[in-house]
């Protein structure tokens, strides 16, 4: 019996001390700072705290499912919408053979890791990067499409812009061509 009453007294002391320690007091110090403490004083006001939030733990199966979902999301790269604008050539610019076509593309925002920009001439990749000089020597006269294309790390096209340029070939009968021809003796 003595043993049971001793156990009961210790248990009661722990409960009472737990209740006493659970109280939070608010005071203001001499400098005007608000102080929260567990030590009561004459000026202290008791603060009523909201109940603690209790979040149940997840099972190992639930954690594995959550991790699998996160890995699937991480495997798909975020799609960035790039703004592409030709600095050069101007839209519907005319270029005379043999002058080259300078291509320069402004891209916003900067390319992310794994993303790539390609320059295409009539649907065929001629360079990687945002600038290139294209020779007109082997080009037919007429309209040609120049495109800038950004692909992500998975190879999917995420942004593209195109413009048209016109290649002209000087006529052998033009006065400019005649002026450069050597004269033949008569």
N, C-alpha and C. Protein backbone atom coordinates (compact mmCIF):
# COMPACT_ATOMS: atom_id res chain seq x y z
N UNK A 1 0.82 -1.18 0.00
CA UNK A 1 0.00 0.00 0.00
C UNK A 1 0.87 1.25 0.00
N UNK A 2 1.93 1.20 0.83
CA UNK A 2 2.84 2.33 0.89
C UNK A 2 3.47 2.58 -0.47
N UNK A 3 3.78 1.49 -1.13
CA UNK A 3 4.40 1.57 -2.45
C UNK A 3 3.44 2.21 -3.46
N UNK A 4 2.15 1.83 -3.42
CA UNK A 4 1.16 2.40 -4.33
C UNK A 4 0.95 3.88 -4.06
N UNK A 5 0.88 4.28 -2.78
CA UNK A 5 0.67 5.69 -2.47
C UNK A 5 1.89 6.52 -2.86
N UNK A 6 3.08 5.95 -2.71
CA UNK A 6 4.31 6.65 -3.11
C UNK A 6 4.29 6.86 -4.64
N UNK A 7 3.90 5.83 -5.39
CA UNK A 7 3.80 5.93 -6.84
C UNK A 7 2.77 6.98 -7.23
N UNK A 8 1.64 6.99 -6.56
CA UNK A 8 0.58 7.96 -6.82
C UNK A 8 1.06 9.38 -6.54
N UNK A 9 1.83 9.58 -5.48
CA UNK A 9 2.34 10.90 -5.13
C UNK A 9 3.32 11.40 -6.18
N UNK A 10 4.20 10.51 -6.64
CA UNK A 10 5.17 10.90 -7.68
C UNK A 10 4.43 11.24 -8.98
N UNK A 11 3.46 10.43 -9.35
CA UNK A 11 2.69 10.69 -10.56
C UNK A 11 1.96 12.01 -10.48
N UNK A 12 1.34 12.30 -9.32
CA UNK A 12 0.63 13.56 -9.11
C UNK A 12 1.58 14.74 -9.18
N UNK A 13 2.77 14.61 -8.63
CA UNK A 13 3.77 15.69 -8.68
C UNK A 13 4.19 15.97 -10.12
N UNK A 14 4.37 14.92 -10.91
CA UNK A 14 4.74 15.12 -12.31
C UNK A 14 3.64 15.80 -13.09
N UNK A 15 2.40 15.42 -12.86
CA UNK A 15 1.27 16.04 -13.56
C UNK A 15 1.17 17.50 -13.19
N UNK A 16 1.28 17.83 -11.92
CA UNK A 16 1.18 19.22 -11.46
C UNK A 16 2.32 20.04 -12.02
N UNK A 17 3.54 19.48 -12.02
CA UNK A 17 4.67 20.24 -12.56
C UNK A 17 4.53 20.42 -14.07
N UNK A 18 3.94 19.45 -14.76
CA UNK A 18 3.70 19.57 -16.20
C UNK A 18 2.71 20.67 -16.50
N UNK A 19 1.68 20.79 -15.67
CA UNK A 19 0.70 21.87 -15.87
C UNK A 19 1.34 23.21 -15.58
N UNK A 20 2.15 23.29 -14.56
CA UNK A 20 2.80 24.54 -14.20
C UNK A 20 3.78 24.97 -15.29
N UNK A 21 4.47 24.03 -15.89
CA UNK A 21 5.43 24.37 -16.92
C UNK A 21 4.75 24.73 -18.24
N UNK A 22 3.53 24.32 -18.43
CA UNK A 22 2.84 24.59 -19.67
C UNK A 22 2.38 26.04 -19.80
N UNK A 23 2.35 26.79 -18.72
CA UNK A 23 1.89 28.18 -18.77
C UNK A 23 2.96 29.07 -19.40
N UNK A 24 2.52 29.99 -20.24
CA UNK A 24 3.41 30.97 -20.88
C UNK A 24 2.96 32.35 -20.43
N UNK A 25 3.94 33.20 -20.09
CA UNK A 25 3.65 34.54 -19.59
C UNK A 25 4.26 35.59 -20.50
N UNK A 26 3.54 36.73 -20.60
CA UNK A 26 3.99 37.83 -21.45
C UNK A 26 4.23 39.04 -20.55
N UNK A 27 5.43 39.63 -20.71
CA UNK A 27 5.76 40.86 -19.96
C UNK A 27 6.47 41.82 -20.90
N UNK A 28 6.64 43.04 -20.43
CA UNK A 28 7.40 44.05 -21.17
C UNK A 28 8.57 44.47 -20.29
N UNK A 29 9.80 44.44 -20.84
CA UNK A 29 10.97 44.81 -20.03
C UNK A 29 11.13 46.32 -19.96
N UNK A 30 12.19 46.78 -19.30
CA UNK A 30 12.43 48.21 -19.09
C UNK A 30 12.65 48.97 -20.39
N UNK A 31 13.11 48.32 -21.43
CA UNK A 31 13.35 48.96 -22.73
C UNK A 31 12.14 48.92 -23.64
N UNK A 32 11.05 48.33 -23.19
CA UNK A 32 9.83 48.26 -23.98
C UNK A 32 9.72 47.03 -24.85
N UNK A 33 10.65 46.09 -24.71
CA UNK A 33 10.61 44.85 -25.50
C UNK A 33 9.64 43.87 -24.88
N UNK A 34 8.85 43.21 -25.72
CA UNK A 34 7.92 42.19 -25.24
C UNK A 34 8.72 40.91 -25.01
N UNK A 35 8.50 40.28 -23.85
CA UNK A 35 9.23 39.07 -23.48
C UNK A 35 8.22 37.99 -23.14
N UNK A 36 8.42 36.80 -23.71
CA UNK A 36 7.59 35.64 -23.38
C UNK A 36 8.45 34.71 -22.54
N UNK A 37 7.88 34.20 -21.48
CA UNK A 37 8.64 33.35 -20.58
C UNK A 37 7.73 32.33 -19.91
N UNK A 38 8.34 31.32 -19.27
CA UNK A 38 7.57 30.35 -18.50
C UNK A 38 7.69 30.64 -17.01
N UNK A 39 8.33 31.77 -16.66
CA UNK A 39 8.47 32.18 -15.26
C UNK A 39 7.47 33.30 -14.97
N UNK A 40 6.55 33.07 -14.04
CA UNK A 40 5.57 34.12 -13.73
C UNK A 40 6.21 35.27 -12.95
N UNK A 41 5.65 36.46 -13.15
CA UNK A 41 6.06 37.63 -12.37
C UNK A 41 4.82 38.46 -12.08
N UNK A 42 4.98 39.54 -11.29
CA UNK A 42 3.82 40.34 -10.89
C UNK A 42 3.15 41.00 -12.10
N UNK A 43 3.95 41.49 -13.05
CA UNK A 43 3.41 42.20 -14.21
C UNK A 43 3.00 41.26 -15.35
N UNK A 44 3.34 40.01 -15.26
CA UNK A 44 3.12 39.07 -16.36
C UNK A 44 1.65 38.75 -16.57
N UNK A 45 1.30 38.59 -17.84
CA UNK A 45 -0.05 38.16 -18.21
C UNK A 45 0.05 36.75 -18.78
N UNK A 46 -0.90 35.92 -18.44
CA UNK A 46 -0.91 34.56 -18.97
C UNK A 46 -1.36 34.60 -20.42
N UNK A 47 -0.64 33.88 -21.26
CA UNK A 47 -0.95 33.81 -22.69
C UNK A 47 -1.63 32.48 -22.95
N UNK A 48 -2.81 32.55 -23.59
CA UNK A 48 -3.51 31.32 -23.97
C UNK A 48 -3.04 30.92 -25.37
N UNK A 49 -2.37 29.80 -25.45
CA UNK A 49 -1.86 29.32 -26.73
C UNK A 49 -2.90 28.40 -27.38
N UNK A 50 -2.96 28.42 -28.71
CA UNK A 50 -3.87 27.50 -29.39
C UNK A 50 -3.37 26.07 -29.21
N UNK A 51 -4.24 25.10 -29.36
CA UNK A 51 -3.78 23.71 -29.21
C UNK A 51 -2.74 23.36 -30.27
N UNK A 52 -1.87 22.43 -29.93
CA UNK A 52 -0.84 22.00 -30.86
C UNK A 52 -1.47 21.25 -32.03
N UNK A 53 -0.90 21.46 -33.20
CA UNK A 53 -1.33 20.70 -34.38
C UNK A 53 -0.68 19.33 -34.32
N UNK A 54 -1.47 18.33 -34.52
CA UNK A 54 -0.95 16.97 -34.52
C UNK A 54 -1.16 16.40 -35.91
N UNK A 55 -0.07 15.99 -36.52
CA UNK A 55 -0.12 15.43 -37.87
C UNK A 55 0.19 13.95 -37.76
N UNK A 56 -0.71 13.10 -38.24
CA UNK A 56 -0.44 11.67 -38.15
C UNK A 56 0.72 11.29 -39.06
N UNK A 57 1.47 10.30 -38.64
CA UNK A 57 2.61 9.86 -39.45
C UNK A 57 2.10 9.03 -40.63
N UNK A 58 2.94 8.96 -41.67
CA UNK A 58 2.60 8.20 -42.86
C UNK A 58 3.16 6.79 -42.75
N UNK A 59 2.50 5.87 -43.39
CA UNK A 59 3.01 4.50 -43.43
C UNK A 59 4.15 4.44 -44.44
N UNK A 60 4.93 3.39 -44.38
CA UNK A 60 6.04 3.21 -45.33
C UNK A 60 5.52 3.16 -46.76
N UNK A 61 4.35 2.57 -46.97
CA UNK A 61 3.76 2.49 -48.31
C UNK A 61 3.37 3.88 -48.82
N UNK A 62 2.80 4.71 -47.95
CA UNK A 62 2.42 6.06 -48.35
C UNK A 62 3.65 6.90 -48.68
N UNK A 63 4.74 6.73 -47.94
CA UNK A 63 5.97 7.46 -48.22
C UNK A 63 6.54 7.03 -49.56
N UNK A 64 6.54 5.74 -49.83
CA UNK A 64 7.05 5.23 -51.11
C UNK A 64 6.23 5.77 -52.28
N UNK A 65 4.91 5.83 -52.13
CA UNK A 65 4.06 6.37 -53.20
C UNK A 65 4.35 7.84 -53.42
N UNK A 66 4.52 8.60 -52.35
CA UNK A 66 4.81 10.03 -52.47
C UNK A 66 6.16 10.25 -53.16
N UNK A 67 7.16 9.46 -52.80
CA UNK A 67 8.48 9.58 -53.42
C UNK A 67 8.43 9.20 -54.89
N UNK A 68 7.67 8.19 -55.25
CA UNK A 68 7.54 7.79 -56.65
C UNK A 68 6.89 8.91 -57.46
N UNK A 69 5.89 9.57 -56.89
CA UNK A 69 5.24 10.70 -57.57
C UNK A 69 6.20 11.86 -57.76
N UNK A 70 7.04 12.13 -56.77
CA UNK A 70 8.02 13.22 -56.87
C UNK A 70 9.06 12.92 -57.93
N UNK A 71 9.50 11.67 -58.04
CA UNK A 71 10.49 11.30 -59.04
C UNK A 71 9.91 11.40 -60.44
N UNK A 72 8.64 11.05 -60.62
CA UNK A 72 8.00 11.15 -61.93
C UNK A 72 7.90 12.61 -62.34
N UNK A 73 7.58 13.49 -61.39
CA UNK A 73 7.49 14.92 -61.67
C UNK A 73 8.85 15.49 -62.00
N UNK A 74 9.89 15.04 -61.27
CA UNK A 74 11.23 15.55 -61.50
C UNK A 74 11.77 15.08 -62.85
N UNK A 75 11.33 13.93 -63.34
CA UNK A 75 11.83 13.40 -64.60
C UNK A 75 11.34 14.23 -65.78
N UNK A 76 10.20 14.90 -65.64
CA UNK A 76 9.67 15.73 -66.71
C UNK A 76 10.18 17.15 -66.52
N UNK A 77 11.03 17.65 -67.45
CA UNK A 77 11.57 18.98 -67.29
C UNK A 77 10.48 20.04 -67.41
N UNK A 78 10.66 21.10 -66.66
CA UNK A 78 9.71 22.21 -66.72
C UNK A 78 9.83 22.87 -68.09
N UNK A 79 8.71 23.22 -68.67
CA UNK A 79 8.71 23.86 -69.99
C UNK A 79 8.84 25.36 -69.78
N UNK A 80 9.90 25.91 -70.36
CA UNK A 80 10.13 27.35 -70.29
C UNK A 80 9.66 27.94 -71.61
N UNK A 81 8.90 29.00 -71.54
CA UNK A 81 8.42 29.68 -72.75
C UNK A 81 9.44 30.77 -73.11
N UNK A 82 10.25 30.49 -74.10
CA UNK A 82 11.27 31.44 -74.54
C UNK A 82 10.66 32.43 -75.53
N UNK A 83 11.12 33.66 -75.45
CA UNK A 83 10.74 34.69 -76.41
C UNK A 83 11.92 34.84 -77.38
N UNK A 84 11.69 34.53 -78.64
CA UNK A 84 12.72 34.61 -79.67
C UNK A 84 12.42 35.75 -80.61
N UNK A 85 13.47 36.49 -80.99
CA UNK A 85 13.28 37.61 -81.93
C UNK A 85 14.53 37.73 -82.80
N UNK A 86 14.30 37.80 -84.12
CA UNK A 86 15.42 37.99 -85.02
C UNK A 86 15.94 39.42 -84.91
N UNK A 87 17.23 39.55 -84.63
CA UNK A 87 17.89 40.85 -84.69
C UNK A 87 18.34 41.05 -86.13
N UNK A 88 18.77 39.95 -86.73
CA UNK A 88 19.25 39.95 -88.10
C UNK A 88 18.93 38.59 -88.69
N UNK A 89 18.44 38.41 -89.85
CA UNK A 89 18.09 39.39 -90.87
C UNK A 89 16.75 40.05 -90.55
N UNK A 90 16.51 41.16 -91.17
CA UNK A 90 15.22 41.83 -91.04
C UNK A 90 14.17 41.01 -91.78
N UNK A 91 12.92 41.14 -91.37
CA UNK A 91 11.84 40.40 -92.03
C UNK A 91 11.78 40.79 -93.50
N UNK A 92 11.71 39.78 -94.36
CA UNK A 92 11.60 39.93 -95.81
C UNK A 92 12.76 40.74 -96.40
N UNK A 93 13.93 40.57 -95.81
CA UNK A 93 15.13 41.24 -96.31
C UNK A 93 15.57 40.59 -97.62
N UNK A 94 16.10 41.41 -98.53
CA UNK A 94 16.62 40.91 -99.79
C UNK A 94 18.14 40.93 -99.73
N UNK A 95 18.75 39.81 -100.12
CA UNK A 95 20.21 39.67 -100.12
C UNK A 95 20.64 39.31 -101.53
N UNK A 96 21.65 39.99 -102.00
CA UNK A 96 22.17 39.70 -103.35
C UNK A 96 23.33 38.72 -103.23
N UNK A 97 23.33 37.73 -104.13
CA UNK A 97 24.46 36.81 -104.18
C UNK A 97 25.69 37.61 -104.57
N UNK A 98 26.81 37.37 -104.08
CA UNK A 98 27.30 36.37 -103.16
C UNK A 98 27.35 36.86 -101.70
N UNK A 99 26.62 37.95 -101.38
CA UNK A 99 26.64 38.46 -100.01
C UNK A 99 26.09 37.41 -99.05
N UNK A 100 26.72 37.23 -97.88
CA UNK A 100 26.21 36.25 -96.91
C UNK A 100 25.01 36.80 -96.14
N UNK A 101 24.27 35.91 -95.53
CA UNK A 101 23.14 36.29 -94.68
C UNK A 101 23.59 36.15 -93.23
N UNK A 102 23.62 37.25 -92.53
CA UNK A 102 23.96 37.21 -91.10
C UNK A 102 22.70 36.89 -90.30
N UNK A 103 22.79 35.93 -89.40
CA UNK A 103 21.64 35.55 -88.58
C UNK A 103 22.02 35.75 -87.12
N UNK A 104 21.17 36.50 -86.40
CA UNK A 104 21.39 36.73 -84.98
C UNK A 104 20.02 36.76 -84.31
N UNK A 105 19.87 35.95 -83.26
CA UNK A 105 18.57 35.81 -82.59
C UNK A 105 18.72 36.23 -81.13
N UNK A 106 17.79 37.05 -80.67
CA UNK A 106 17.72 37.43 -79.26
C UNK A 106 16.78 36.45 -78.56
N UNK A 107 17.21 35.94 -77.41
CA UNK A 107 16.39 34.96 -76.67
C UNK A 107 16.24 35.42 -75.23
N UNK A 108 15.00 35.37 -74.73
CA UNK A 108 14.69 35.72 -73.35
C UNK A 108 13.80 34.65 -72.77
N UNK A 109 14.00 34.12 -71.60
CA UNK A 109 15.20 34.24 -70.77
C UNK A 109 16.33 33.43 -71.37
N UNK A 110 17.50 33.48 -70.74
CA UNK A 110 18.65 32.71 -71.22
C UNK A 110 18.30 31.22 -71.22
N UNK A 111 18.95 30.47 -72.11
CA UNK A 111 18.69 29.04 -72.21
C UNK A 111 19.00 28.33 -70.90
N UNK A 112 18.11 27.44 -70.49
CA UNK A 112 18.32 26.64 -69.28
C UNK A 112 19.24 25.47 -69.63
N UNK A 113 19.81 24.86 -68.60
CA UNK A 113 20.68 23.69 -68.81
C UNK A 113 19.95 22.62 -69.60
N UNK A 114 20.59 22.12 -70.63
CA UNK A 114 20.00 21.05 -71.43
C UNK A 114 19.18 21.55 -72.60
N UNK A 115 18.75 22.82 -72.60
CA UNK A 115 18.00 23.37 -73.73
C UNK A 115 18.98 23.81 -74.81
N UNK A 116 18.55 23.79 -76.07
CA UNK A 116 19.44 24.05 -77.19
C UNK A 116 18.72 24.87 -78.25
N UNK A 117 19.44 25.81 -78.87
CA UNK A 117 18.87 26.58 -79.97
C UNK A 117 19.56 26.18 -81.26
N UNK A 118 18.77 26.01 -82.31
CA UNK A 118 19.28 25.68 -83.64
C UNK A 118 18.77 26.70 -84.64
N UNK A 119 19.59 26.97 -85.66
CA UNK A 119 19.21 27.83 -86.77
C UNK A 119 18.94 26.91 -87.97
N UNK A 120 17.79 27.10 -88.61
CA UNK A 120 17.41 26.26 -89.75
C UNK A 120 17.27 27.12 -91.00
N UNK A 121 17.72 26.61 -92.11
CA UNK A 121 17.54 27.24 -93.41
C UNK A 121 16.69 26.30 -94.24
N UNK A 122 15.52 26.75 -94.60
CA UNK A 122 14.56 25.94 -95.38
C UNK A 122 14.33 24.59 -94.71
N UNK A 123 14.20 24.58 -93.38
CA UNK A 123 13.88 23.37 -92.63
C UNK A 123 15.05 22.48 -92.29
N UNK A 124 16.26 22.85 -92.68
CA UNK A 124 17.45 22.04 -92.41
C UNK A 124 18.34 22.79 -91.41
N UNK A 125 18.77 22.09 -90.36
CA UNK A 125 19.62 22.71 -89.34
C UNK A 125 20.97 23.04 -89.96
N UNK A 126 21.36 24.34 -89.86
CA UNK A 126 22.66 24.77 -90.38
C UNK A 126 23.63 25.16 -89.29
N UNK A 127 23.11 25.38 -88.06
CA UNK A 127 23.98 25.76 -86.95
C UNK A 127 23.26 25.58 -85.64
N UNK A 128 24.05 25.42 -84.57
CA UNK A 128 23.52 25.43 -83.20
C UNK A 128 24.02 26.71 -82.54
N UNK A 129 23.18 27.31 -81.73
CA UNK A 129 23.51 28.59 -81.11
C UNK A 129 22.58 29.66 -81.62
N UNK A 130 22.83 30.90 -81.20
CA UNK A 130 21.90 31.96 -81.59
C UNK A 130 22.45 32.88 -82.67
N UNK A 131 23.54 32.49 -83.31
CA UNK A 131 24.08 33.32 -84.37
C UNK A 131 24.88 32.50 -85.36
N UNK A 132 24.82 32.89 -86.66
CA UNK A 132 25.54 32.19 -87.71
C UNK A 132 25.57 33.09 -88.94
N UNK A 133 26.51 32.84 -89.81
CA UNK A 133 26.54 33.51 -91.11
C UNK A 133 26.31 32.43 -92.16
N UNK A 134 25.30 32.64 -93.00
CA UNK A 134 24.94 31.66 -94.02
C UNK A 134 25.42 32.17 -95.37
N UNK A 135 26.15 31.33 -96.08
CA UNK A 135 26.64 31.68 -97.41
C UNK A 135 25.49 31.56 -98.41
N UNK A 136 25.45 32.50 -99.34
CA UNK A 136 24.41 32.45 -100.38
C UNK A 136 24.94 31.87 -101.69
N UNK A 137 26.21 31.49 -101.71
CA UNK A 137 26.83 31.00 -102.95
C UNK A 137 26.04 29.87 -103.60
N UNK A 138 25.60 28.87 -102.82
CA UNK A 138 24.93 27.70 -103.38
C UNK A 138 23.40 27.80 -103.31
N UNK A 139 22.87 28.93 -102.87
CA UNK A 139 21.42 29.08 -102.73
C UNK A 139 20.80 29.50 -104.06
N UNK A 140 19.62 28.95 -104.30
CA UNK A 140 18.84 29.35 -105.46
C UNK A 140 18.27 30.74 -105.19
N UNK A 141 18.01 31.47 -106.23
CA UNK A 141 17.38 32.77 -106.03
C UNK A 141 15.92 32.55 -105.63
N UNK A 142 15.35 33.51 -104.90
CA UNK A 142 13.97 33.40 -104.47
C UNK A 142 13.84 33.44 -102.95
N UNK A 143 12.68 33.05 -102.47
CA UNK A 143 12.36 33.11 -101.04
C UNK A 143 12.95 31.92 -100.29
N UNK A 144 13.48 32.19 -99.11
CA UNK A 144 14.03 31.15 -98.24
C UNK A 144 13.57 31.42 -96.80
N UNK A 145 13.29 30.35 -96.09
CA UNK A 145 12.85 30.46 -94.70
C UNK A 145 14.05 30.25 -93.77
N UNK A 146 14.20 31.15 -92.81
CA UNK A 146 15.20 31.01 -91.76
C UNK A 146 14.44 30.92 -90.44
N UNK A 147 14.73 29.90 -89.66
CA UNK A 147 14.03 29.69 -88.39
C UNK A 147 15.03 29.52 -87.26
N UNK A 148 14.61 29.93 -86.07
CA UNK A 148 15.35 29.67 -84.83
C UNK A 148 14.45 28.79 -83.99
N UNK A 149 15.00 27.67 -83.52
CA UNK A 149 14.20 26.68 -82.79
C UNK A 149 14.90 26.32 -81.49
N UNK A 150 14.15 26.32 -80.38
CA UNK A 150 14.68 25.89 -79.08
C UNK A 150 14.05 24.55 -78.74
N UNK A 151 14.92 23.58 -78.42
CA UNK A 151 14.46 22.27 -77.98
C UNK A 151 14.92 22.06 -76.55
N UNK A 152 14.10 21.36 -75.76
CA UNK A 152 14.48 21.09 -74.38
C UNK A 152 15.36 19.85 -74.31
N UNK A 153 15.76 19.47 -73.11
CA UNK A 153 16.68 18.33 -72.93
C UNK A 153 16.06 17.02 -73.41
N UNK A 154 14.73 16.96 -73.50
CA UNK A 154 14.07 15.75 -73.99
C UNK A 154 13.94 15.76 -75.52
N UNK A 155 14.41 16.84 -76.19
CA UNK A 155 14.35 16.93 -77.64
C UNK A 155 13.05 17.50 -78.18
N UNK A 156 12.16 17.96 -77.28
CA UNK A 156 10.88 18.52 -77.70
C UNK A 156 11.03 20.01 -78.03
N UNK A 157 10.43 20.45 -79.13
CA UNK A 157 10.47 21.87 -79.52
C UNK A 157 9.62 22.66 -78.54
N UNK A 158 10.24 23.66 -77.88
CA UNK A 158 9.49 24.48 -76.91
C UNK A 158 9.26 25.90 -77.42
N UNK A 159 10.01 26.32 -78.43
CA UNK A 159 9.80 27.66 -78.97
C UNK A 159 10.43 27.73 -80.37
N UNK A 160 9.78 28.48 -81.26
CA UNK A 160 10.31 28.61 -82.62
C UNK A 160 9.83 29.92 -83.22
N UNK A 161 10.68 30.54 -84.01
CA UNK A 161 10.32 31.75 -84.74
C UNK A 161 10.96 31.64 -86.13
N UNK A 162 10.27 32.19 -87.14
CA UNK A 162 10.79 32.09 -88.51
C UNK A 162 10.62 33.42 -89.22
N UNK A 163 11.43 33.63 -90.23
CA UNK A 163 11.33 34.80 -91.08
C UNK A 163 11.68 34.38 -92.50
N UNK A 164 11.35 35.23 -93.45
CA UNK A 164 11.64 34.94 -94.85
C UNK A 164 12.66 35.95 -95.36
N UNK A 165 13.62 35.44 -96.13
CA UNK A 165 14.59 36.30 -96.81
C UNK A 165 14.52 35.97 -98.30
N UNK A 166 14.91 36.94 -99.10
CA UNK A 166 14.89 36.75 -100.55
C UNK A 166 16.32 36.87 -101.07
N UNK A 167 16.71 35.89 -101.84
CA UNK A 167 18.04 35.89 -102.44
C UNK A 167 17.88 36.29 -103.90
N UNK A 168 18.65 37.31 -104.30
CA UNK A 168 18.63 37.75 -105.70
C UNK A 168 19.99 37.47 -106.32
N UNK A 169 19.95 37.12 -107.57
CA UNK A 169 21.18 36.88 -108.30
C UNK A 169 21.27 37.95 -109.36
N UNK A 170 22.40 38.60 -109.39
CA UNK A 170 22.59 39.66 -110.39
C UNK A 170 22.54 39.09 -111.80
N UNK A 171 21.95 39.85 -112.71
CA UNK A 171 21.83 39.42 -114.10
C UNK A 171 23.15 39.69 -114.82
N UNK A 172 23.51 38.81 -115.71
CA UNK A 172 24.73 39.01 -116.50
C UNK A 172 24.56 40.18 -117.46
N UNK A 173 23.32 40.56 -117.71
CA UNK A 173 23.06 41.67 -118.63
C UNK A 173 22.90 43.01 -117.91
N UNK A 174 23.01 42.99 -116.56
CA UNK A 174 22.82 44.26 -115.85
C UNK A 174 24.00 45.19 -116.13
N UNK A 175 23.74 46.51 -116.11
CA UNK A 175 24.82 47.47 -116.35
C UNK A 175 25.98 47.29 -115.38
N UNK A 176 25.68 46.90 -114.12
CA UNK A 176 26.75 46.71 -113.14
C UNK A 176 27.65 45.57 -113.56
N UNK A 177 27.08 44.50 -114.09
CA UNK A 177 27.87 43.35 -114.54
C UNK A 177 28.66 43.73 -115.79
N UNK A 178 28.07 44.51 -116.70
CA UNK A 178 28.73 44.92 -117.94
C UNK A 178 29.93 45.81 -117.64
N UNK A 179 29.82 46.65 -116.62
CA UNK A 179 30.91 47.57 -116.30
C UNK A 179 32.13 46.81 -115.81
N UNK A 180 31.94 45.66 -115.21
CA UNK A 180 33.06 44.89 -114.67
C UNK A 180 33.66 43.91 -115.68
N UNK A 181 33.02 43.76 -116.86
CA UNK A 181 33.52 42.84 -117.87
C UNK A 181 34.71 43.47 -118.59
N UNK A 182 35.71 42.65 -118.88
CA UNK A 182 36.83 43.21 -119.68
C UNK A 182 36.37 43.47 -121.12
N UNK A 183 36.86 44.52 -121.70
CA UNK A 183 36.48 44.85 -123.08
C UNK A 183 37.32 44.02 -124.04
N UNK A 184 36.67 43.61 -125.07
CA UNK A 184 37.37 42.83 -126.10
C UNK A 184 37.80 43.80 -127.22
N UNK A 185 38.92 43.53 -127.82
CA UNK A 185 39.41 44.38 -128.90
C UNK A 185 38.66 44.08 -130.20
N UNK A 186 38.36 45.13 -130.98
CA UNK A 186 37.65 44.95 -132.23
C UNK A 186 38.53 45.05 -133.40
